[in-house]
Amino acid sequence: MIFPLEELIEHDGNMYEITCAASRRSFQLSMLRDPEIEENDGKVVSLAARQIFTQEIEFRIEE
């Protein structure tokens, strides 16, 4: 899967938050060596973004 541009364009929330969430999730996936990375041709950031946009995972901003 390529980076989910359609979902990114249609996203009406805070872009900084979604970028931080995708970055953090990418780090988590790479550290865990998640097998889903190989299924996504090694594209960690696009996998993380897809998980966020499809609400497979949730994120929150800590205050």
N, C-alpha and C. Protein backbone atom coordinates (compact mmCIF):
# COMPACT_ATOMS: atom_id res chain seq x y z
N MET A 1 0.84 -1.18 0.00
CA MET A 1 0.00 0.00 0.00
C MET A 1 0.88 1.24 0.00
N ILE A 2 0.49 2.22 -0.79
CA ILE A 2 1.19 3.49 -0.78
C ILE A 2 0.62 4.37 0.32
N PHE A 3 1.24 5.51 0.53
CA PHE A 3 0.77 6.43 1.57
C PHE A 3 -0.66 6.84 1.27
N PRO A 4 -1.54 6.81 2.27
CA PRO A 4 -2.97 7.09 2.05
C PRO A 4 -3.26 8.58 1.82
N LEU A 5 -2.93 9.08 0.62
CA LEU A 5 -3.10 10.50 0.33
C LEU A 5 -4.55 10.95 0.35
N GLU A 6 -5.44 10.11 -0.13
CA GLU A 6 -6.87 10.47 -0.13
C GLU A 6 -7.36 10.78 1.29
N GLU A 7 -7.01 9.91 2.23
CA GLU A 7 -7.42 10.12 3.62
C GLU A 7 -6.75 11.36 4.21
N LEU A 8 -5.50 11.59 3.82
CA LEU A 8 -4.78 12.76 4.31
C LEU A 8 -5.43 14.05 3.81
N ILE A 9 -5.83 14.07 2.56
CA ILE A 9 -6.48 15.25 1.99
C ILE A 9 -7.82 15.50 2.65
N GLU A 10 -8.57 14.44 2.91
CA GLU A 10 -9.91 14.58 3.49
C GLU A 10 -9.89 14.80 5.00
N HIS A 11 -8.74 14.63 5.62
CA HIS A 11 -8.62 14.79 7.08
C HIS A 11 -8.85 16.24 7.46
N ASP A 12 -9.79 16.48 8.36
CA ASP A 12 -10.08 17.86 8.74
C ASP A 12 -9.57 18.20 10.13
N GLY A 13 -8.77 17.33 10.71
CA GLY A 13 -8.20 17.58 12.04
C GLY A 13 -6.87 18.29 11.95
N ASN A 14 -6.18 18.33 13.05
CA ASN A 14 -4.89 18.99 13.16
C ASN A 14 -3.82 18.16 12.47
N MET A 15 -3.19 18.72 11.44
CA MET A 15 -2.17 18.00 10.68
C MET A 15 -0.92 17.71 11.53
N TYR A 16 -0.59 18.61 12.44
CA TYR A 16 0.57 18.39 13.30
C TYR A 16 0.34 17.16 14.17
N GLU A 17 -0.85 17.02 14.72
CA GLU A 17 -1.17 15.86 15.56
C GLU A 17 -1.07 14.57 14.77
N ILE A 18 -1.64 14.55 13.58
CA ILE A 18 -1.64 13.32 12.77
C ILE A 18 -0.21 12.96 12.34
N THR A 19 0.61 13.98 12.07
CA THR A 19 2.01 13.74 11.71
C THR A 19 2.78 13.16 12.88
N CYS A 20 2.58 13.73 14.05
CA CYS A 20 3.25 13.21 15.25
C CYS A 20 2.81 11.79 15.56
N ALA A 21 1.52 11.53 15.42
CA ALA A 21 1.00 10.19 15.69
C ALA A 21 1.57 9.16 14.71
N ALA A 22 1.65 9.53 13.43
CA ALA A 22 2.20 8.61 12.42
C ALA A 22 3.69 8.37 12.67
N SER A 23 4.39 9.42 13.05
CA SER A 23 5.82 9.29 13.34
C SER A 23 6.05 8.37 14.53
N ARG A 24 5.30 8.58 15.58
CA ARG A 24 5.44 7.76 16.79
C ARG A 24 5.05 6.30 16.50
N ARG A 25 3.97 6.10 15.77
CA ARG A 25 3.53 4.74 15.44
C ARG A 25 4.55 4.05 14.55
N SER A 26 5.16 4.78 13.63
CA SER A 26 6.20 4.21 12.77
C SER A 26 7.36 3.70 13.61
N PHE A 27 7.75 4.50 14.58
CA PHE A 27 8.83 4.10 15.49
C PHE A 27 8.45 2.83 16.25
N GLN A 28 7.23 2.80 16.77
CA GLN A 28 6.77 1.62 17.52
C GLN A 28 6.80 0.37 16.64
N LEU A 29 6.28 0.48 15.43
CA LEU A 29 6.24 -0.67 14.52
C LEU A 29 7.65 -1.17 14.20
N SER A 30 8.57 -0.25 13.95
CA SER A 30 9.93 -0.67 13.60
C SER A 30 10.64 -1.30 14.80
N MET A 31 10.40 -0.77 15.99
CA MET A 31 11.03 -1.35 17.18
C MET A 31 10.46 -2.73 17.50
N LEU A 32 9.18 -2.92 17.24
CA LEU A 32 8.56 -4.22 17.50
C LEU A 32 8.83 -5.23 16.39
N ARG A 33 9.37 -4.74 15.27
CA ARG A 33 9.59 -5.57 14.08
C ARG A 33 8.29 -6.29 13.69
N ASP A 34 7.25 -5.50 13.62
CA ASP A 34 5.92 -6.01 13.31
C ASP A 34 5.93 -6.72 11.95
N PRO A 35 5.39 -7.93 11.86
CA PRO A 35 5.37 -8.67 10.59
C PRO A 35 4.54 -7.98 9.51
N GLU A 36 3.66 -7.09 9.92
CA GLU A 36 2.83 -6.36 8.95
C GLU A 36 3.68 -5.43 8.08
N ILE A 37 4.87 -5.07 8.57
CA ILE A 37 5.77 -4.22 7.79
C ILE A 37 6.17 -4.92 6.50
N GLU A 38 6.52 -6.19 6.58
CA GLU A 38 6.91 -6.95 5.39
C GLU A 38 5.74 -7.09 4.42
N GLU A 39 4.53 -7.23 4.94
CA GLU A 39 3.35 -7.32 4.09
C GLU A 39 3.10 -6.01 3.37
N ASN A 40 3.65 -4.92 3.90
CA ASN A 40 3.49 -3.59 3.32
C ASN A 40 4.76 -3.16 2.58
N ASP A 41 5.52 -4.13 2.09
CA ASP A 41 6.76 -3.89 1.35
C ASP A 41 7.77 -3.06 2.11
N GLY A 42 7.79 -3.17 3.43
CA GLY A 42 8.76 -2.46 4.24
C GLY A 42 8.46 -0.98 4.45
N LYS A 43 7.31 -0.53 4.04
CA LYS A 43 6.94 0.89 4.15
C LYS A 43 6.27 1.14 5.49
N VAL A 44 7.08 1.52 6.46
CA VAL A 44 6.61 1.66 7.84
C VAL A 44 5.71 2.87 8.01
N VAL A 45 6.07 4.01 7.42
CA VAL A 45 5.29 5.23 7.61
C VAL A 45 3.91 5.10 6.97
N SER A 46 3.83 4.53 5.79
CA SER A 46 2.52 4.37 5.16
C SER A 46 1.65 3.38 5.93
N LEU A 47 2.26 2.36 6.51
CA LEU A 47 1.53 1.41 7.35
C LEU A 47 0.98 2.12 8.58
N ALA A 48 1.82 2.92 9.22
CA ALA A 48 1.39 3.66 10.42
C ALA A 48 0.26 4.63 10.07
N ALA A 49 0.39 5.34 8.97
CA ALA A 49 -0.65 6.29 8.55
C ALA A 49 -1.97 5.56 8.27
N ARG A 50 -1.87 4.42 7.58
CA ARG A 50 -3.09 3.64 7.29
C ARG A 50 -3.77 3.20 8.58
N GLN A 51 -2.99 2.74 9.55
CA GLN A 51 -3.54 2.31 10.82
C GLN A 51 -4.25 3.45 11.54
N ILE A 52 -3.70 4.63 11.44
CA ILE A 52 -4.32 5.80 12.09
C ILE A 52 -5.59 6.22 11.37
N PHE A 53 -5.52 6.34 10.04
CA PHE A 53 -6.69 6.80 9.28
C PHE A 53 -7.84 5.80 9.28
N THR A 54 -7.54 4.51 9.37
CA THR A 54 -8.60 3.51 9.41
C THR A 54 -9.05 3.23 10.84
N GLN A 55 -8.45 3.96 11.78
CA GLN A 55 -8.75 3.84 13.20
C GLN A 55 -8.50 2.43 13.74
N GLU A 56 -7.52 1.77 13.13
CA GLU A 56 -7.07 0.47 13.64
C GLU A 56 -6.38 0.68 14.99
N ILE A 57 -5.74 1.83 15.12
CA ILE A 57 -5.17 2.23 16.40
C ILE A 57 -5.70 3.62 16.74
N GLU A 58 -5.64 3.97 17.98
CA GLU A 58 -6.09 5.29 18.42
C GLU A 58 -4.89 6.04 18.99
N PHE A 59 -4.94 7.34 18.93
CA PHE A 59 -3.88 8.14 19.53
C PHE A 59 -4.54 9.27 20.33
N ARG A 60 -3.77 9.78 21.27
CA ARG A 60 -4.24 10.92 22.05
C ARG A 60 -3.04 11.78 22.39
N ILE A 61 -3.31 13.04 22.60
CA ILE A 61 -2.27 13.98 22.95
C ILE A 61 -2.25 14.09 24.48
N GLU A 62 -1.08 13.84 25.04
CA GLU A 62 -0.95 13.95 26.49
C GLU A 62 -0.65 15.39 26.85
N GLU A 63 -1.27 15.83 27.90
CA GLU A 63 -1.06 17.22 28.33
C GLU A 63 -0.09 17.28 29.47
